[in-house]
Amino acid sequence: MTMPNERFYAIRNTREFLVELMDPKKTPRVPKEIRLKAYYCIKHFPGEYDMEQAREEAPEIFGDWDAGIKNRNYTNNTSLGEDE
C-alpha cells in the first residue's frame, strides 16, 4: 500500500528527475528528443506550491503517513489505474 507521504515524495522526486533530465550538464548523453519530451511532461507538472496545497487539501492522499488513518479514509488500493 502506498502511504500518503510516499505518494507526495514520488511526485516531487519525479519532478526533480525531469528537471535533471533536461539539463545537459547533469545528463550529457540524453538525446535532444528525450529532453524535449521531459520538457513537455514537466510543463504543467505540479510544483512545490501545488504539492503543498494538495497536502493541505487532501491529507489522506498527499499528507503525512498517518493522515489517512487519523481520518479513517485510507484505502488499500494498489492498482495502477486498471479497472477492477
N, C-alpha and C. Protein backbone atom coordinates (compact mmCIF):
# COMPACT_ATOMS: atom_id res chain seq x y z
N MET A 1 0.84 -1.17 0.00
CA MET A 1 0.00 0.00 0.00
C MET A 1 0.89 1.24 0.00
N THR A 2 0.61 2.16 -0.86
CA THR A 2 1.35 3.42 -0.91
C THR A 2 0.79 4.36 0.15
N MET A 3 1.68 4.87 0.98
CA MET A 3 1.29 5.80 2.02
C MET A 3 1.23 7.22 1.44
N PRO A 4 0.44 8.10 2.04
CA PRO A 4 0.31 9.46 1.51
C PRO A 4 1.65 10.19 1.35
N ASN A 5 2.54 10.05 2.31
CA ASN A 5 3.84 10.74 2.19
C ASN A 5 4.67 10.14 1.06
N GLU A 6 4.55 8.84 0.81
CA GLU A 6 5.28 8.22 -0.29
C GLU A 6 4.78 8.75 -1.63
N ARG A 7 3.47 8.93 -1.75
CA ARG A 7 2.89 9.48 -2.97
C ARG A 7 3.38 10.92 -3.19
N PHE A 8 3.38 11.70 -2.12
CA PHE A 8 3.85 13.09 -2.17
C PHE A 8 5.29 13.14 -2.66
N TYR A 9 6.16 12.33 -2.06
CA TYR A 9 7.57 12.36 -2.44
C TYR A 9 7.82 11.75 -3.81
N ALA A 10 7.00 10.80 -4.24
CA ALA A 10 7.15 10.24 -5.59
C ALA A 10 6.92 11.32 -6.65
N ILE A 11 5.91 12.15 -6.43
CA ILE A 11 5.64 13.23 -7.38
C ILE A 11 6.75 14.26 -7.34
N ARG A 12 7.19 14.61 -6.15
CA ARG A 12 8.27 15.58 -6.01
C ARG A 12 9.57 15.05 -6.65
N ASN A 13 9.90 13.78 -6.41
CA ASN A 13 11.12 13.20 -6.97
C ASN A 13 11.03 13.06 -8.49
N THR A 14 9.85 12.79 -9.01
CA THR A 14 9.67 12.71 -10.46
C THR A 14 9.93 14.07 -11.09
N ARG A 15 9.45 15.12 -10.45
CA ARG A 15 9.71 16.48 -10.96
C ARG A 15 11.21 16.75 -10.98
N GLU A 16 11.91 16.42 -9.90
CA GLU A 16 13.36 16.63 -9.85
C GLU A 16 14.07 15.83 -10.94
N PHE A 17 13.61 14.60 -11.17
CA PHE A 17 14.19 13.75 -12.21
C PHE A 17 14.01 14.39 -13.59
N LEU A 18 12.82 14.89 -13.87
CA LEU A 18 12.56 15.51 -15.17
C LEU A 18 13.41 16.77 -15.36
N VAL A 19 13.57 17.55 -14.30
CA VAL A 19 14.40 18.76 -14.38
C VAL A 19 15.85 18.36 -14.68
N GLU A 20 16.37 17.36 -13.99
CA GLU A 20 17.74 16.90 -14.24
C GLU A 20 17.87 16.33 -15.64
N LEU A 21 16.85 15.64 -16.11
CA LEU A 21 16.87 15.06 -17.44
C LEU A 21 16.99 16.13 -18.52
N MET A 22 16.45 17.30 -18.27
CA MET A 22 16.51 18.39 -19.24
C MET A 22 17.85 19.14 -19.20
N ASP A 23 18.66 18.91 -18.19
CA ASP A 23 19.92 19.63 -18.02
C ASP A 23 21.07 18.86 -18.67
N PRO A 24 21.61 19.35 -19.79
CA PRO A 24 22.68 18.63 -20.48
C PRO A 24 23.96 18.50 -19.65
N LYS A 25 24.15 19.37 -18.68
CA LYS A 25 25.34 19.26 -17.81
C LYS A 25 25.21 18.08 -16.85
N LYS A 26 24.00 17.79 -16.42
CA LYS A 26 23.78 16.68 -15.49
C LYS A 26 23.58 15.36 -16.22
N THR A 27 23.02 15.42 -17.42
CA THR A 27 22.76 14.20 -18.20
C THR A 27 23.24 14.41 -19.63
N PRO A 28 24.55 14.43 -19.84
CA PRO A 28 25.11 14.80 -21.15
C PRO A 28 24.78 13.84 -22.30
N ARG A 29 24.47 12.60 -22.01
CA ARG A 29 24.27 11.64 -23.10
C ARG A 29 22.80 11.43 -23.46
N VAL A 30 21.93 12.21 -22.88
CA VAL A 30 20.49 12.08 -23.18
C VAL A 30 20.19 12.79 -24.49
N PRO A 31 19.52 12.09 -25.42
CA PRO A 31 19.19 12.70 -26.71
C PRO A 31 18.25 13.90 -26.57
N LYS A 32 18.35 14.79 -27.53
CA LYS A 32 17.54 16.01 -27.54
C LYS A 32 16.04 15.69 -27.52
N GLU A 33 15.63 14.64 -28.22
CA GLU A 33 14.22 14.27 -28.27
C GLU A 33 13.69 13.91 -26.88
N ILE A 34 14.52 13.24 -26.10
CA ILE A 34 14.12 12.86 -24.74
C ILE A 34 14.01 14.10 -23.86
N ARG A 35 14.96 15.02 -24.01
CA ARG A 35 14.90 16.27 -23.25
C ARG A 35 13.62 17.04 -23.58
N LEU A 36 13.26 17.04 -24.85
CA LEU A 36 12.05 17.74 -25.27
C LEU A 36 10.81 17.08 -24.67
N LYS A 37 10.78 15.75 -24.65
CA LYS A 37 9.65 15.04 -24.04
C LYS A 37 9.57 15.35 -22.55
N ALA A 38 10.72 15.40 -21.89
CA ALA A 38 10.74 15.75 -20.46
C ALA A 38 10.20 17.15 -20.26
N TYR A 39 10.56 18.06 -21.15
CA TYR A 39 10.07 19.44 -21.06
C TYR A 39 8.54 19.47 -21.17
N TYR A 40 7.99 18.74 -22.14
CA TYR A 40 6.54 18.73 -22.31
C TYR A 40 5.84 18.09 -21.11
N CYS A 41 6.47 17.08 -20.51
CA CYS A 41 5.89 16.44 -19.33
C CYS A 41 5.87 17.38 -18.13
N ILE A 42 6.93 18.14 -17.96
CA ILE A 42 7.06 18.98 -16.78
C ILE A 42 6.37 20.32 -16.92
N LYS A 43 6.00 20.67 -18.13
CA LYS A 43 5.41 21.99 -18.39
C LYS A 43 4.25 22.30 -17.46
N HIS A 44 3.37 21.35 -17.22
CA HIS A 44 2.22 21.56 -16.34
C HIS A 44 2.25 20.63 -15.13
N PHE A 45 3.43 20.12 -14.82
CA PHE A 45 3.60 19.22 -13.68
C PHE A 45 3.47 20.02 -12.39
N PRO A 46 2.88 19.46 -11.35
CA PRO A 46 2.73 20.22 -10.11
C PRO A 46 4.09 20.57 -9.47
N GLY A 47 4.21 21.82 -9.06
CA GLY A 47 5.42 22.28 -8.39
C GLY A 47 5.31 22.15 -6.89
N GLU A 48 6.29 22.67 -6.16
CA GLU A 48 6.29 22.60 -4.70
C GLU A 48 5.03 23.22 -4.11
N TYR A 49 4.68 24.41 -4.60
CA TYR A 49 3.49 25.09 -4.07
C TYR A 49 2.24 24.22 -4.29
N ASP A 50 2.10 23.68 -5.49
CA ASP A 50 0.94 22.85 -5.80
C ASP A 50 0.88 21.62 -4.90
N MET A 51 2.04 21.02 -4.65
CA MET A 51 2.06 19.82 -3.82
C MET A 51 1.76 20.14 -2.36
N GLU A 52 2.23 21.27 -1.88
CA GLU A 52 1.90 21.68 -0.51
C GLU A 52 0.40 21.95 -0.39
N GLN A 53 -0.18 22.57 -1.41
CA GLN A 53 -1.63 22.80 -1.42
C GLN A 53 -2.38 21.47 -1.42
N ALA A 54 -1.91 20.54 -2.23
CA ALA A 54 -2.54 19.22 -2.30
C ALA A 54 -2.44 18.51 -0.95
N ARG A 55 -1.29 18.65 -0.30
CA ARG A 55 -1.09 18.03 1.01
C ARG A 55 -2.08 18.60 2.03
N GLU A 56 -2.32 19.91 1.96
CA GLU A 56 -3.26 20.55 2.89
C GLU A 56 -4.71 20.20 2.56
N GLU A 57 -5.04 20.19 1.27
CA GLU A 57 -6.42 19.95 0.85
C GLU A 57 -6.82 18.48 0.89
N ALA A 58 -5.86 17.59 0.68
CA ALA A 58 -6.17 16.16 0.65
C ALA A 58 -5.11 15.38 1.42
N PRO A 59 -5.06 15.55 2.74
CA PRO A 59 -4.02 14.88 3.53
C PRO A 59 -4.09 13.36 3.46
N GLU A 60 -5.28 12.81 3.20
CA GLU A 60 -5.39 11.36 3.10
C GLU A 60 -4.74 10.83 1.83
N ILE A 61 -4.48 11.72 0.86
CA ILE A 61 -3.83 11.32 -0.39
C ILE A 61 -2.37 11.75 -0.43
N PHE A 62 -2.08 12.97 0.01
CA PHE A 62 -0.73 13.52 -0.09
C PHE A 62 -0.13 13.95 1.25
N GLY A 63 -0.78 13.61 2.36
CA GLY A 63 -0.34 14.09 3.66
C GLY A 63 0.69 13.21 4.33
N ASP A 64 0.77 13.37 5.64
CA ASP A 64 1.69 12.57 6.44
C ASP A 64 1.29 11.11 6.39
N TRP A 65 2.21 10.23 6.75
CA TRP A 65 1.95 8.80 6.61
C TRP A 65 0.72 8.33 7.37
N ASP A 66 0.38 8.98 8.46
CA ASP A 66 -0.76 8.53 9.25
C ASP A 66 -2.01 9.38 9.06
N ALA A 67 -2.00 10.31 8.11
CA ALA A 67 -3.15 11.19 7.90
C ALA A 67 -4.40 10.39 7.52
N GLY A 68 -4.24 9.42 6.64
CA GLY A 68 -5.39 8.62 6.23
C GLY A 68 -5.95 7.79 7.36
N ILE A 69 -5.07 7.30 8.22
CA ILE A 69 -5.52 6.50 9.36
C ILE A 69 -6.26 7.40 10.35
N LYS A 70 -5.70 8.58 10.60
CA LYS A 70 -6.35 9.52 11.52
C LYS A 70 -7.74 9.88 11.03
N ASN A 71 -7.86 10.08 9.72
CA ASN A 71 -9.15 10.47 9.14
C ASN A 71 -10.01 9.26 8.78
N ARG A 72 -9.46 8.08 8.95
CA ARG A 72 -10.14 6.82 8.61
C ARG A 72 -10.62 6.80 7.16
N ASN A 73 -9.82 7.40 6.28
CA ASN A 73 -10.18 7.45 4.86
C ASN A 73 -9.17 6.71 3.98
N TYR A 74 -8.24 6.00 4.57
CA TYR A 74 -7.22 5.37 3.74
C TYR A 74 -7.79 4.15 3.03
N THR A 75 -7.12 3.79 1.96
CA THR A 75 -7.56 2.65 1.17
C THR A 75 -6.39 1.71 0.93
N ASN A 76 -6.65 0.49 0.66
CA ASN A 76 -5.60 -0.49 0.37
C ASN A 76 -5.56 -0.76 -1.12
N ASN A 77 -5.89 0.21 -1.93
CA ASN A 77 -5.91 0.07 -3.38
C ASN A 77 -4.50 0.19 -3.93
N THR A 78 -3.99 -0.90 -4.49
CA THR A 78 -2.64 -0.88 -5.06
C THR A 78 -2.67 -1.00 -6.57
N SER A 79 -3.83 -0.82 -7.18
CA SER A 79 -3.91 -0.94 -8.63
C SER A 79 -3.21 0.23 -9.30
N LEU A 80 -2.86 0.04 -10.54
CA LEU A 80 -2.20 1.08 -11.31
C LEU A 80 -3.19 1.77 -12.24
N GLY A 81 -4.41 1.87 -11.80
CA GLY A 81 -5.42 2.57 -12.59
C GLY A 81 -6.27 1.65 -13.44
N GLU A 82 -6.00 0.34 -13.38
CA GLU A 82 -6.80 -0.58 -14.18
C GLU A 82 -8.17 -0.72 -13.54
N ASP A 83 -9.15 -1.02 -14.35
CA ASP A 83 -10.49 -1.27 -13.81
C ASP A 83 -10.48 -2.57 -13.04
N GLU A 84 -11.19 -2.57 -11.96
CA GLU A 84 -11.23 -3.79 -11.13
C GLU A 84 -12.41 -4.65 -11.49
